[in-house]
Amino acid sequence: KKNGELVQTGHTKDMIHNFDKIIAHVSNYFSLNIGDVIFTGTPEGVGKVNIGDHLEGYLGEEKLLDFHIK
């Protein structure tokens, strides 16, 4: 959600690479720690994010991300 409005939805089954492959590849170049976020691309509905926007991310019904852009 962006500012309370659903703007994107997608399914992990549609990803080109699975999580294990992505994490293995990225960890060759960066140290990864708990809480790190790897941005892998976007499903349909991409749009501009501005300073002050409130973003929320869900996995199913569980909210995993909730932050404001500074």
PDB file of N, CA and C in Angstrom:
ATOM      1  N   LYS A   1       0.845  -1.175   0.000  1.00  0.00           N
ATOM      2  CA  LYS A   1       0.000   0.000   0.000  1.00  0.00           C
ATOM      3  C   LYS A   1       0.887   1.233   0.000  1.00  0.00           C
ATOM      4  N   LYS A   2       0.414   2.276  -0.656  1.00  0.00           N
ATOM      5  CA  LYS A   2       1.070   3.577  -0.618  1.00  0.00           C
ATOM      6  C   LYS A   2       0.043   4.579  -0.139  1.00  0.00           C
ATOM      7  N   ASN A   3       0.318   5.180   0.995  1.00  0.00           N
ATOM      8  CA  ASN A   3      -0.601   6.153   1.592  1.00  0.00           C
ATOM      9  C   ASN A   3      -2.001   5.561   1.768  1.00  0.00           C
ATOM     10  N   GLY A   4      -2.050   4.282   2.182  1.00  0.00           N
ATOM     11  CA  GLY A   4      -3.304   3.608   2.482  1.00  0.00           C
ATOM     12  C   GLY A   4      -4.023   2.992   1.294  1.00  0.00           C
ATOM     13  N   GLU A   5      -3.508   3.193   0.083  1.00  0.00           N
ATOM     14  CA  GLU A   5      -4.165   2.673  -1.126  1.00  0.00           C
ATOM     15  C   GLU A   5      -3.357   1.511  -1.703  1.00  0.00           C
ATOM     16  N   LEU A   6      -4.016   0.405  -2.021  1.00  0.00           N
ATOM     17  CA  LEU A   6      -3.346  -0.734  -2.645  1.00  0.00           C
ATOM     18  C   LEU A   6      -2.910  -0.337  -4.047  1.00  0.00           C
ATOM     19  N   VAL A   7      -1.608  -0.390  -4.307  1.00  0.00           N
ATOM     20  CA  VAL A   7      -1.091   0.002  -5.612  1.00  0.00           C
ATOM     21  C   VAL A   7      -0.401  -1.146  -6.339  1.00  0.00           C
ATOM     22  N   GLN A   8       0.007  -2.181  -5.600  1.00  0.00           N
ATOM     23  CA  GLN A   8       0.659  -3.332  -6.224  1.00  0.00           C
ATOM     24  C   GLN A   8       0.265  -4.608  -5.511  1.00  0.00           C
ATOM     25  N   THR A   9       0.187  -5.683  -6.271  1.00  0.00           N
ATOM     26  CA  THR A   9      -0.004  -6.999  -5.694  1.00  0.00           C
ATOM     27  C   THR A   9       0.691  -7.996  -6.605  1.00  0.00           C
ATOM     28  N   GLY A  10       1.287  -9.021  -6.023  1.00  0.00           N
ATOM     29  CA  GLY A  10       1.987 -10.016  -6.812  1.00  0.00           C
ATOM     30  C   GLY A  10       2.141 -11.295  -6.015  1.00  0.00           C
ATOM     31  N   HIS A  11       2.674 -12.316  -6.677  1.00  0.00           N
ATOM     32  CA  HIS A  11       2.864 -13.622  -6.048  1.00  0.00           C
ATOM     33  C   HIS A  11       4.297 -14.094  -6.263  1.00  0.00           C
ATOM     34  N   THR A  12       4.880 -14.678  -5.237  1.00  0.00           N
ATOM     35  CA  THR A  12       6.261 -15.152  -5.348  1.00  0.00           C
ATOM     36  C   THR A  12       6.402 -16.236  -6.412  1.00  0.00           C
ATOM     37  N   LYS A  13       5.340 -16.953  -6.728  1.00  0.00           N
ATOM     38  CA  LYS A  13       5.410 -17.990  -7.764  1.00  0.00           C
ATOM     39  C   LYS A  13       5.722 -17.391  -9.134  1.00  0.00           C
ATOM     40  N   ASP A  14       5.508 -16.099  -9.297  1.00  0.00           N
ATOM     41  CA  ASP A  14       5.771 -15.435 -10.573  1.00  0.00           C
ATOM     42  C   ASP A  14       7.187 -14.890 -10.685  1.00  0.00           C
ATOM     43  N   MET A  15       7.984 -15.028  -9.627  1.00  0.00           N
ATOM     44  CA  MET A  15       9.357 -14.529  -9.656  1.00  0.00           C
ATOM     45  C   MET A  15      10.224 -15.405 -10.550  1.00  0.00           C
ATOM     46  N   ILE A  16      11.180 -14.800 -11.224  1.00  0.00           N
ATOM     47  CA  ILE A  16      12.089 -15.537 -12.107  1.00  0.00           C
ATOM     48  C   ILE A  16      13.034 -16.415 -11.288  1.00  0.00           C
ATOM     49  N   HIS A  17      13.567 -15.882 -10.183  1.00  0.00           N
ATOM     50  CA  HIS A  17      14.487 -16.620  -9.314  1.00  0.00           C
ATOM     51  C   HIS A  17      13.858 -16.785  -7.934  1.00  0.00           C
ATOM     52  N   ASN A  18      14.122 -17.920  -7.271  1.00  0.00           N
ATOM     53  CA  ASN A  18      13.575 -18.124  -5.929  1.00  0.00           C
ATOM     54  C   ASN A  18      14.428 -17.392  -4.890  1.00  0.00           C
ATOM     55  N   PHE A  19      13.897 -17.315  -3.671  1.00  0.00           N
ATOM     56  CA  PHE A  19      14.572 -16.570  -2.609  1.00  0.00           C
ATOM     57  C   PHE A  19      15.970 -17.086  -2.325  1.00  0.00           C
ATOM     58  N   ASP A  20      16.141 -18.401  -2.288  1.00  0.00           N
ATOM     59  CA  ASP A  20      17.456 -18.974  -1.978  1.00  0.00           C
ATOM     60  C   ASP A  20      18.515 -18.520  -2.982  1.00  0.00           C
ATOM     61  N   LYS A  21      18.185 -18.543  -4.259  1.00  0.00           N
ATOM     62  CA  LYS A  21      19.134 -18.112  -5.288  1.00  0.00           C
ATOM     63  C   LYS A  21      19.455 -16.628  -5.170  1.00  0.00           C
ATOM     64  N   ILE A  22      18.444 -15.832  -4.896  1.00  0.00           N
ATOM     65  CA  ILE A  22      18.650 -14.379  -4.771  1.00  0.00           C
ATOM     66  C   ILE A  22      19.562 -14.078  -3.590  1.00  0.00           C
ATOM     67  N   ILE A  23      19.277 -14.671  -2.441  1.00  0.00           N
ATOM     68  CA  ILE A  23      20.088 -14.420  -1.244  1.00  0.00           C
ATOM     69  C   ILE A  23      21.518 -14.911  -1.456  1.00  0.00           C
ATOM     70  N   ALA A  24      21.690 -16.076  -2.057  1.00  0.00           N
ATOM     71  CA  ALA A  24      23.036 -16.598  -2.323  1.00  0.00           C
ATOM     72  C   ALA A  24      23.814 -15.655  -3.235  1.00  0.00           C
ATOM     73  N   HIS A  25      23.184 -15.156  -4.271  1.00  0.00           N
ATOM     74  CA  HIS A  25      23.854 -14.255  -5.211  1.00  0.00           C
ATOM     75  C   HIS A  25      24.236 -12.931  -4.536  1.00  0.00           C
ATOM     76  N   VAL A  26      23.281 -12.321  -3.866  1.00  0.00           N
ATOM     77  CA  VAL A  26      23.534 -11.024  -3.228  1.00  0.00           C
ATOM     78  C   VAL A  26      24.615 -11.147  -2.154  1.00  0.00           C
ATOM     79  N   SER A  27      24.615 -12.249  -1.416  1.00  0.00           N
ATOM     80  CA  SER A  27      25.593 -12.405  -0.328  1.00  0.00           C
ATOM     81  C   SER A  27      27.025 -12.584  -0.844  1.00  0.00           C
ATOM     82  N   ASN A  28      27.198 -12.806  -2.131  1.00  0.00           N
ATOM     83  CA  ASN A  28      28.538 -12.815  -2.719  1.00  0.00           C
ATOM     84  C   ASN A  28      29.138 -11.415  -2.768  1.00  0.00           C
ATOM     85  N   TYR A  29      28.295 -10.390  -2.703  1.00  0.00           N
ATOM     86  CA  TYR A  29      28.742  -9.007  -2.859  1.00  0.00           C
ATOM     87  C   TYR A  29      28.546  -8.146  -1.613  1.00  0.00           C
ATOM     88  N   PHE A  30      27.601  -8.525  -0.759  1.00  0.00           N
ATOM     89  CA  PHE A  30      27.267  -7.729   0.427  1.00  0.00           C
ATOM     90  C   PHE A  30      27.069  -8.646   1.618  1.00  0.00           C
ATOM     91  N   SER A  31      27.419  -8.141   2.798  1.00  0.00           N
ATOM     92  CA  SER A  31      27.071  -8.855   4.030  1.00  0.00           C
ATOM     93  C   SER A  31      25.596  -8.601   4.309  1.00  0.00           C
ATOM     94  N   LEU A  32      24.857  -9.661   4.558  1.00  0.00           N
ATOM     95  CA  LEU A  32      23.438  -9.523   4.859  1.00  0.00           C
ATOM     96  C   LEU A  32      23.201  -9.760   6.341  1.00  0.00           C
ATOM     97  N   ASN A  33      22.339  -8.943   6.919  1.00  0.00           N
ATOM     98  CA  ASN A  33      22.004  -9.037   8.330  1.00  0.00           C
ATOM     99  C   ASN A  33      20.497  -9.114   8.499  1.00  0.00           C
ATOM    100  N   ILE A  34      20.073  -9.594   9.650  1.00  0.00           N
ATOM    101  CA  ILE A  34      18.646  -9.640   9.955  1.00  0.00           C
ATOM    102  C   ILE A  34      18.064  -8.242   9.795  1.00  0.00           C
ATOM    103  N   GLY A  35      16.967  -8.154   9.097  1.00  0.00           N
ATOM    104  CA  GLY A  35      16.312  -6.869   8.875  1.00  0.00           C
ATOM    105  C   GLY A  35      16.662  -6.228   7.543  1.00  0.00           C
ATOM    106  N   ASP A  36      17.700  -6.730   6.853  1.00  0.00           N
ATOM    107  CA  ASP A  36      18.040  -6.189   5.540  1.00  0.00           C
ATOM    108  C   ASP A  36      16.920  -6.492   4.550  1.00  0.00           C
ATOM    109  N   VAL A  37      16.762  -5.622   3.584  1.00  0.00           N
ATOM    110  CA  VAL A  37      15.745  -5.785   2.548  1.00  0.00           C
ATOM    111  C   VAL A  37      16.450  -5.868   1.200  1.00  0.00           C
ATOM    112  N   ILE A  38      16.087  -6.852   0.400  1.00  0.00           N
ATOM    113  CA  ILE A  38      16.609  -6.984  -0.964  1.00  0.00           C
ATOM    114  C   ILE A  38      15.459  -6.651  -1.908  1.00  0.00           C
ATOM    115  N   PHE A  39      15.618  -5.590  -2.678  1.00  0.00           N
ATOM    116  CA  PHE A  39      14.604  -5.221  -3.650  1.00  0.00           C
ATOM    117  C   PHE A  39      14.877  -5.995  -4.930  1.00  0.00           C
ATOM    118  N   THR A  40      13.888  -6.754  -5.404  1.00  0.00           N
ATOM    119  CA  THR A  40      14.084  -7.669  -6.525  1.00  0.00           C
ATOM    120  C   THR A  40      13.373  -7.242  -7.789  1.00  0.00           C
ATOM    121  N   GLY A  41      12.666  -6.180  -7.749  1.00  0.00           N
ATOM    122  CA  GLY A  41      11.864  -5.776  -8.896  1.00  0.00           C
ATOM    123  C   GLY A  41      10.455  -5.498  -8.427  1.00  0.00           C
ATOM    124  N   THR A  42       9.559  -5.409  -9.345  1.00  0.00           N
ATOM    125  CA  THR A  42       8.225  -4.981  -8.975  1.00  0.00           C
ATOM    126  C   THR A  42       7.162  -5.657  -9.831  1.00  0.00           C
ATOM    127  N   PRO A  43       6.040  -5.997  -9.231  1.00  0.00           N
ATOM    128  CA  PRO A  43       4.912  -6.472 -10.046  1.00  0.00           C
ATOM    129  C   PRO A  43       4.248  -5.282 -10.736  1.00  0.00           C
ATOM    130  N   GLU A  44       3.256  -5.555 -11.520  1.00  0.00           N
ATOM    131  CA  GLU A  44       2.509  -4.519 -12.214  1.00  0.00           C
ATOM    132  C   GLU A  44       1.977  -3.485 -11.221  1.00  0.00           C
ATOM    133  N   GLY A  45       1.990  -2.230 -11.610  1.00  0.00           N
ATOM    134  CA  GLY A  45       1.454  -1.170 -10.766  1.00  0.00           C
ATOM    135  C   GLY A  45       2.515  -0.242 -10.225  1.00  0.00           C
ATOM    136  N   VAL A  46       3.736  -0.342 -10.756  1.00  0.00           N
ATOM    137  CA  VAL A  46       4.835   0.489 -10.269  1.00  0.00           C
ATOM    138  C   VAL A  46       4.492   1.973 -10.437  1.00  0.00           C
ATOM    139  N   GLY A  47       4.944   2.760  -9.488  1.00  0.00           N
ATOM    140  CA  GLY A  47       4.714   4.194  -9.548  1.00  0.00           C
ATOM    141  C   GLY A  47       5.760   4.925  -8.729  1.00  0.00           C
ATOM    142  N   LYS A  48       5.780   6.208  -8.865  1.00  0.00           N
ATOM    143  CA  LYS A  48       6.746   7.048  -8.176  1.00  0.00           C
ATOM    144  C   LYS A  48       6.480   7.054  -6.667  1.00  0.00           C
ATOM    145  N   VAL A  49       7.563   7.046  -5.888  1.00  0.00           N
ATOM    146  CA  VAL A  49       7.483   7.177  -4.434  1.00  0.00           C
ATOM    147  C   VAL A  49       8.116   8.522  -4.081  1.00  0.00           C
ATOM    148  N   ASN A  50       7.425   9.293  -3.260  1.00  0.00           N
ATOM    149  CA  ASN A  50       7.888  10.629  -2.899  1.00  0.00           C
ATOM    150  C   ASN A  50       8.212  10.725  -1.415  1.00  0.00           C
ATOM    151  N   ILE A  51       9.026  11.696  -1.074  1.00  0.00           N
ATOM    152  CA  ILE A  51       9.311  11.995   0.333  1.00  0.00           C
ATOM    153  C   ILE A  51       7.983  12.247   1.032  1.00  0.00           C
ATOM    154  N   GLY A  52       7.810  11.611   2.191  1.00  0.00           N
ATOM    155  CA  GLY A  52       6.582  11.754   2.967  1.00  0.00           C
ATOM    156  C   GLY A  52       5.573  10.644   2.725  1.00  0.00           C
ATOM    157  N   ASP A  53       5.782   9.842   1.661  1.00  0.00           N
ATOM    158  CA  ASP A  53       4.863   8.730   1.407  1.00  0.00           C
ATOM    159  C   ASP A  53       4.957   7.682   2.512  1.00  0.00           C
ATOM    160  N   HIS A  54       3.839   7.054   2.802  1.00  0.00           N
ATOM    161  CA  HIS A  54       3.749   5.987   3.792  1.00  0.00           C
ATOM    162  C   HIS A  54       3.584   4.679   3.038  1.00  0.00           C
ATOM    163  N   LEU A  55       4.553   3.774   3.169  1.00  0.00           N
ATOM    164  CA  LEU A  55       4.517   2.496   2.468  1.00  0.00           C
ATOM    165  C   LEU A  55       4.283   1.361   3.446  1.00  0.00           C
ATOM    166  N   GLU A  56       3.459   0.394   3.033  1.00  0.00           N
ATOM    167  CA  GLU A  56       3.197  -0.808   3.815  1.00  0.00           C
ATOM    168  C   GLU A  56       3.350  -2.009   2.890  1.00  0.00           C
ATOM    169  N   GLY A  57       3.977  -3.073   3.405  1.00  0.00           N
ATOM    170  CA  GLY A  57       4.138  -4.295   2.631  1.00  0.00           C
ATOM    171  C   GLY A  57       3.616  -5.487   3.399  1.00  0.00           C
ATOM    172  N   TYR A  58       2.930  -6.371   2.708  1.00  0.00           N
ATOM    173  CA  TYR A  58       2.274  -7.519   3.334  1.00  0.00           C
ATOM    174  C   TYR A  58       2.738  -8.807   2.676  1.00  0.00           C
ATOM    175  N   LEU A  59       2.745  -9.862   3.460  1.00  0.00           N
ATOM    176  CA  LEU A  59       2.881 -11.224   2.954  1.00  0.00           C
ATOM    177  C   LEU A  59       1.605 -11.919   3.374  1.00  0.00           C
ATOM    178  N   GLY A  60       0.715 -12.136   2.412  1.00  0.00           N
ATOM    179  CA  GLY A  60      -0.626 -12.593   2.750  1.00  0.00           C
ATOM    180  C   GLY A  60      -1.328 -11.478   3.495  1.00  0.00           C
ATOM    181  N   GLU A  61      -1.851 -11.786   4.651  1.00  0.00           N
ATOM    182  CA  GLU A  61      -2.529 -10.780   5.473  1.00  0.00           C
ATOM    183  C   GLU A  61      -1.605 -10.154   6.511  1.00  0.00           C
ATOM    184  N   GLU A  62      -0.375 -10.663   6.614  1.00  0.00           N
ATOM    185  CA  GLU A  62       0.561 -10.185   7.644  1.00  0.00           C
ATOM    186  C   GLU A  62       1.374  -8.996   7.144  1.00  0.00           C
ATOM    187  N   LYS A  63       1.298  -7.878   7.860  1.00  0.00           N
ATOM    188  CA  LYS A  63       2.062  -6.692   7.516  1.00  0.00           C
ATOM    189  C   LYS A  63       3.514  -6.901   7.939  1.00  0.00           C
ATOM    190  N   LEU A  64       4.436  -6.823   6.973  1.00  0.00           N
ATOM    191  CA  LEU A  64       5.856  -7.016   7.256  1.00  0.00           C
ATOM    192  C   LEU A  64       6.645  -5.725   7.196  1.00  0.00           C
ATOM    193  N   LEU A  65       6.170  -4.759   6.455  1.00  0.00           N
ATOM    194  CA  LEU A  65       6.864  -3.467   6.300  1.00  0.00           C
ATOM    195  C   LEU A  65       5.878  -2.346   6.564  1.00  0.00           C
ATOM    196  N   ASP A  66       6.349  -1.310   7.239  1.00  0.00           N
ATOM    197  CA  ASP A  66       5.515  -0.139   7.515  1.00  0.00           C
ATOM    198  C   ASP A  66       6.453   1.024   7.784  1.00  0.00           C
ATOM    199  N   PHE A  67       6.610   1.915   6.820  1.00  0.00           N
ATOM    200  CA  PHE A  67       7.561   3.003   6.999  1.00  0.00           C
ATOM    201  C   PHE A  67       7.193   4.215   6.150  1.00  0.00           C
ATOM    202  N   HIS A  68       7.774   5.341   6.513  1.00  0.00           N
ATOM    203  CA  HIS A  68       7.608   6.589   5.786  1.00  0.00           C
ATOM    204  C   HIS A  68       8.903   6.898   5.038  1.00  0.00           C
ATOM    205  N   ILE A  69       8.793   7.432   3.829  1.00  0.00           N
ATOM    206  CA  ILE A  69       9.951   7.812   3.034  1.00  0.00           C
ATOM    207  C   ILE A  69      10.439   9.176   3.525  1.00  0.00           C
ATOM    208  N   LYS A  70      11.721   9.235   3.844  1.00  0.00           N
ATOM    209  CA  LYS A  70      12.325  10.497   4.328  1.00  0.00           C
ATOM    210  C   LYS A  70      13.216  11.107   3.275  1.00  0.00           C
TER     211      LYS A  70
END
